[in-house]
Amino acid sequence: MSLTVRTESGTVTVPDNVLVGIAARAAQHVEGLRVKRRRAVDLEARVVRLSVALPRGEPLVELAGRAQDEVAGALRAMCGIDTTVDIHVGELT
């Protein structure tokens, strides 16, 4: 499923894989965080799901919260959509 936005000039379509790429890159702005392969965007529910690896010994909830803020902000700024962001900590590095 793609994000489709109608404007006065026509239609803009952003495929899921591009949205996932935006989300992954935004999450990686958090130092030490690495996005794993398991990731998805559900446009109907307005939810992004990312599995991440975080550094051992660091505050996991704080780092995941920063990643949620980065992802939501990037998708809002670049695509004009508000989303919730589910983070699964799948690995400690």
N, C-alpha and C. Protein backbone atom coordinates (compact mmCIF):
# COMPACT_ATOMS: atom_id res chain seq x y z
N MET A 1 0.85 -1.18 0.00
CA MET A 1 0.00 0.00 0.00
C MET A 1 0.89 1.24 0.00
N SER A 2 0.51 2.22 -0.70
CA SER A 2 1.29 3.45 -0.82
C SER A 2 0.51 4.62 -0.22
N LEU A 3 1.27 5.64 0.17
CA LEU A 3 0.67 6.90 0.58
C LEU A 3 0.37 7.68 -0.69
N THR A 4 -0.88 8.08 -0.86
CA THR A 4 -1.26 8.88 -2.03
C THR A 4 -1.88 10.18 -1.54
N VAL A 5 -1.32 11.28 -2.03
CA VAL A 5 -1.80 12.60 -1.64
C VAL A 5 -2.23 13.33 -2.91
N ARG A 6 -3.44 13.84 -2.89
CA ARG A 6 -3.94 14.61 -4.03
C ARG A 6 -3.71 16.09 -3.75
N THR A 7 -3.14 16.76 -4.73
CA THR A 7 -2.92 18.21 -4.63
C THR A 7 -3.63 18.88 -5.80
N GLU A 8 -3.60 20.20 -5.82
CA GLU A 8 -4.20 20.93 -6.93
C GLU A 8 -3.50 20.61 -8.26
N SER A 9 -2.22 20.27 -8.18
CA SER A 9 -1.42 20.02 -9.38
C SER A 9 -1.45 18.57 -9.84
N GLY A 10 -2.00 17.67 -9.02
CA GLY A 10 -2.01 16.26 -9.39
C GLY A 10 -1.91 15.37 -8.16
N THR A 11 -1.29 14.22 -8.35
CA THR A 11 -1.19 13.22 -7.28
C THR A 11 0.27 12.93 -6.97
N VAL A 12 0.55 12.76 -5.69
CA VAL A 12 1.89 12.35 -5.24
C VAL A 12 1.72 10.99 -4.57
N THR A 13 2.49 10.00 -5.03
CA THR A 13 2.42 8.66 -4.47
C THR A 13 3.79 8.30 -3.88
N VAL A 14 3.77 7.85 -2.61
CA VAL A 14 4.99 7.45 -1.93
C VAL A 14 4.81 5.99 -1.52
N PRO A 15 5.55 5.06 -2.14
CA PRO A 15 5.42 3.63 -1.83
C PRO A 15 5.87 3.30 -0.41
N ASP A 16 5.36 2.19 0.11
CA ASP A 16 5.71 1.73 1.46
C ASP A 16 7.21 1.62 1.67
N ASN A 17 7.93 1.09 0.68
CA ASN A 17 9.38 0.90 0.87
C ASN A 17 10.10 2.23 1.07
N VAL A 18 9.59 3.30 0.48
CA VAL A 18 10.18 4.62 0.69
C VAL A 18 9.86 5.11 2.10
N LEU A 19 8.61 4.91 2.54
CA LEU A 19 8.23 5.30 3.90
C LEU A 19 9.06 4.55 4.94
N VAL A 20 9.26 3.26 4.73
CA VAL A 20 10.08 2.46 5.64
C VAL A 20 11.52 2.97 5.64
N GLY A 21 12.03 3.34 4.47
CA GLY A 21 13.38 3.88 4.39
C GLY A 21 13.52 5.19 5.15
N ILE A 22 12.52 6.05 5.05
CA ILE A 22 12.52 7.31 5.80
C ILE A 22 12.54 7.01 7.30
N ALA A 23 11.70 6.08 7.71
CA ALA A 23 11.61 5.72 9.13
C ALA A 23 12.93 5.14 9.64
N ALA A 24 13.52 4.23 8.87
CA ALA A 24 14.78 3.60 9.29
C ALA A 24 15.90 4.62 9.41
N ARG A 25 16.02 5.48 8.43
CA ARG A 25 17.08 6.50 8.48
C ARG A 25 16.88 7.46 9.64
N ALA A 26 15.64 7.83 9.90
CA ALA A 26 15.37 8.74 11.02
C ALA A 26 15.72 8.09 12.35
N ALA A 27 15.36 6.83 12.51
CA ALA A 27 15.65 6.12 13.76
C ALA A 27 17.16 6.04 14.00
N GLN A 28 17.91 5.90 12.93
CA GLN A 28 19.36 5.75 13.07
C GLN A 28 20.06 7.05 13.44
N HIS A 29 19.31 8.13 13.56
CA HIS A 29 19.90 9.37 14.09
C HIS A 29 20.19 9.24 15.59
N VAL A 30 19.59 8.23 16.23
CA VAL A 30 19.84 7.98 17.65
C VAL A 30 21.17 7.23 17.75
N GLU A 31 22.11 7.82 18.44
CA GLU A 31 23.46 7.25 18.53
C GLU A 31 23.43 5.84 19.11
N GLY A 32 24.08 4.92 18.42
CA GLY A 32 24.19 3.54 18.88
C GLY A 32 23.06 2.64 18.42
N LEU A 33 21.99 3.19 17.89
CA LEU A 33 20.85 2.40 17.44
C LEU A 33 21.08 1.88 16.03
N ARG A 34 20.72 0.62 15.81
CA ARG A 34 20.80 0.03 14.48
C ARG A 34 19.45 -0.60 14.17
N VAL A 35 18.86 -0.26 13.03
CA VAL A 35 17.57 -0.81 12.63
C VAL A 35 17.81 -2.18 12.02
N LYS A 36 17.04 -3.15 12.48
CA LYS A 36 17.12 -4.52 11.97
C LYS A 36 16.22 -4.65 10.73
N ARG A 37 16.26 -5.79 10.10
CA ARG A 37 15.49 -6.00 8.87
C ARG A 37 13.98 -6.00 9.08
N ARG A 38 13.52 -6.38 10.27
CA ARG A 38 12.08 -6.46 10.50
C ARG A 38 11.52 -5.06 10.71
N ARG A 39 10.81 -4.55 9.71
CA ARG A 39 10.24 -3.21 9.77
C ARG A 39 9.04 -3.13 8.83
N ALA A 40 8.06 -2.30 9.22
CA ALA A 40 6.84 -2.21 8.42
C ALA A 40 6.14 -0.88 8.68
N VAL A 41 5.31 -0.51 7.72
CA VAL A 41 4.44 0.66 7.85
C VAL A 41 3.02 0.21 7.55
N ASP A 42 2.09 0.52 8.45
CA ASP A 42 0.68 0.25 8.24
C ASP A 42 -0.02 1.60 8.11
N LEU A 43 -0.28 2.01 6.88
CA LEU A 43 -0.86 3.34 6.64
C LEU A 43 -2.29 3.47 7.14
N GLU A 44 -3.05 2.40 7.07
CA GLU A 44 -4.44 2.48 7.55
C GLU A 44 -4.47 2.76 9.05
N ALA A 45 -3.60 2.10 9.80
CA ALA A 45 -3.54 2.29 11.25
C ALA A 45 -2.61 3.44 11.63
N ARG A 46 -1.86 3.97 10.65
CA ARG A 46 -0.87 5.03 10.90
C ARG A 46 0.16 4.59 11.94
N VAL A 47 0.71 3.37 11.73
CA VAL A 47 1.69 2.80 12.65
C VAL A 47 2.94 2.39 11.87
N VAL A 48 4.10 2.73 12.44
CA VAL A 48 5.38 2.26 11.93
C VAL A 48 5.91 1.26 12.95
N ARG A 49 6.41 0.12 12.47
CA ARG A 49 6.99 -0.89 13.37
C ARG A 49 8.43 -1.13 12.97
N LEU A 50 9.33 -0.95 13.94
CA LEU A 50 10.75 -1.17 13.70
C LEU A 50 11.32 -2.10 14.76
N SER A 51 12.18 -2.99 14.33
CA SER A 51 12.97 -3.81 15.24
C SER A 51 14.37 -3.23 15.24
N VAL A 52 14.93 -3.01 16.44
CA VAL A 52 16.22 -2.34 16.53
C VAL A 52 17.18 -3.10 17.44
N ALA A 53 18.45 -2.79 17.27
CA ALA A 53 19.51 -3.23 18.17
C ALA A 53 20.00 -1.99 18.90
N LEU A 54 20.12 -2.10 20.22
CA LEU A 54 20.57 -0.97 21.04
C LEU A 54 21.81 -1.38 21.84
N PRO A 55 22.62 -0.39 22.23
CA PRO A 55 23.85 -0.69 22.96
C PRO A 55 23.55 -1.22 24.37
N ARG A 56 24.24 -2.27 24.73
CA ARG A 56 24.14 -2.85 26.07
C ARG A 56 24.57 -1.81 27.11
N GLY A 57 23.86 -1.76 28.22
CA GLY A 57 24.22 -0.85 29.30
C GLY A 57 23.65 0.55 29.16
N GLU A 58 22.95 0.83 28.08
CA GLU A 58 22.34 2.15 27.86
C GLU A 58 20.86 2.11 28.26
N PRO A 59 20.25 3.26 28.53
CA PRO A 59 18.83 3.30 28.90
C PRO A 59 17.94 2.98 27.69
N LEU A 60 17.47 1.76 27.61
CA LEU A 60 16.76 1.27 26.42
C LEU A 60 15.48 2.06 26.14
N VAL A 61 14.69 2.30 27.18
CA VAL A 61 13.42 3.00 26.97
C VAL A 61 13.66 4.43 26.49
N GLU A 62 14.68 5.07 27.03
CA GLU A 62 15.00 6.44 26.60
C GLU A 62 15.45 6.47 25.13
N LEU A 63 16.34 5.54 24.75
CA LEU A 63 16.81 5.49 23.37
C LEU A 63 15.67 5.16 22.40
N ALA A 64 14.81 4.22 22.79
CA ALA A 64 13.68 3.85 21.94
C ALA A 64 12.72 5.04 21.81
N GLY A 65 12.53 5.79 22.88
CA GLY A 65 11.67 6.98 22.83
C GLY A 65 12.23 8.04 21.90
N ARG A 66 13.54 8.22 21.94
CA ARG A 66 14.16 9.18 21.02
C ARG A 66 13.97 8.72 19.58
N ALA A 67 14.09 7.42 19.33
CA ALA A 67 13.88 6.89 17.97
C ALA A 67 12.43 7.13 17.54
N GLN A 68 11.47 6.92 18.45
CA GLN A 68 10.07 7.16 18.11
C GLN A 68 9.85 8.62 17.71
N ASP A 69 10.45 9.53 18.46
CA ASP A 69 10.32 10.96 18.14
C ASP A 69 10.94 11.29 16.79
N GLU A 70 12.12 10.74 16.52
CA GLU A 70 12.80 10.99 15.24
C GLU A 70 11.97 10.49 14.06
N VAL A 71 11.46 9.28 14.17
CA VAL A 71 10.68 8.68 13.07
C VAL A 71 9.39 9.46 12.84
N ALA A 72 8.64 9.72 13.91
CA ALA A 72 7.37 10.45 13.76
C ALA A 72 7.62 11.83 13.17
N GLY A 73 8.67 12.51 13.63
CA GLY A 73 8.99 13.84 13.12
C GLY A 73 9.38 13.83 11.65
N ALA A 74 10.16 12.84 11.25
CA ALA A 74 10.59 12.75 9.85
C ALA A 74 9.41 12.49 8.92
N LEU A 75 8.54 11.57 9.31
CA LEU A 75 7.38 11.26 8.45
C LEU A 75 6.41 12.44 8.39
N ARG A 76 6.29 13.17 9.49
CA ARG A 76 5.43 14.35 9.50
C ARG A 76 6.01 15.43 8.59
N ALA A 77 7.33 15.65 8.71
CA ALA A 77 7.98 16.71 7.93
C ALA A 77 8.05 16.38 6.44
N MET A 78 8.36 15.13 6.13
CA MET A 78 8.58 14.77 4.72
C MET A 78 7.32 14.37 3.98
N CYS A 79 6.34 13.80 4.71
CA CYS A 79 5.16 13.26 4.03
C CYS A 79 3.84 13.83 4.54
N GLY A 80 3.89 14.62 5.60
CA GLY A 80 2.67 15.21 6.12
C GLY A 80 1.75 14.24 6.83
N ILE A 81 2.30 13.12 7.35
CA ILE A 81 1.45 12.15 8.05
C ILE A 81 1.89 12.03 9.51
N ASP A 82 0.90 11.85 10.36
CA ASP A 82 1.16 11.59 11.78
C ASP A 82 1.06 10.10 12.01
N THR A 83 2.04 9.55 12.69
CA THR A 83 2.07 8.11 12.97
C THR A 83 2.44 7.86 14.42
N THR A 84 2.09 6.68 14.88
CA THR A 84 2.68 6.18 16.11
C THR A 84 3.81 5.26 15.68
N VAL A 85 4.77 5.05 16.57
CA VAL A 85 5.95 4.26 16.22
C VAL A 85 6.14 3.19 17.28
N ASP A 86 6.04 1.93 16.87
CA ASP A 86 6.29 0.80 17.76
C ASP A 86 7.72 0.34 17.57
N ILE A 87 8.47 0.31 18.67
CA ILE A 87 9.87 -0.13 18.64
C ILE A 87 9.99 -1.46 19.36
N HIS A 88 10.59 -2.43 18.70
CA HIS A 88 10.89 -3.73 19.30
C HIS A 88 12.41 -3.82 19.46
N VAL A 89 12.88 -3.91 20.69
CA VAL A 89 14.32 -4.07 20.92
C VAL A 89 14.62 -5.56 20.76
N GLY A 90 15.21 -5.90 19.62
CA GLY A 90 15.45 -7.29 19.28
C GLY A 90 16.85 -7.78 19.57
N GLU A 91 17.74 -6.85 19.95
CA GLU A 91 19.12 -7.24 20.17
C GLU A 91 19.84 -6.16 20.97
N LEU A 92 20.80 -6.59 21.80
CA LEU A 92 21.69 -5.67 22.47
C LEU A 92 23.07 -5.84 21.86
N THR A 93 23.75 -4.74 21.61
CA THR A 93 25.08 -4.83 20.99
C THR A 93 26.16 -4.46 21.97
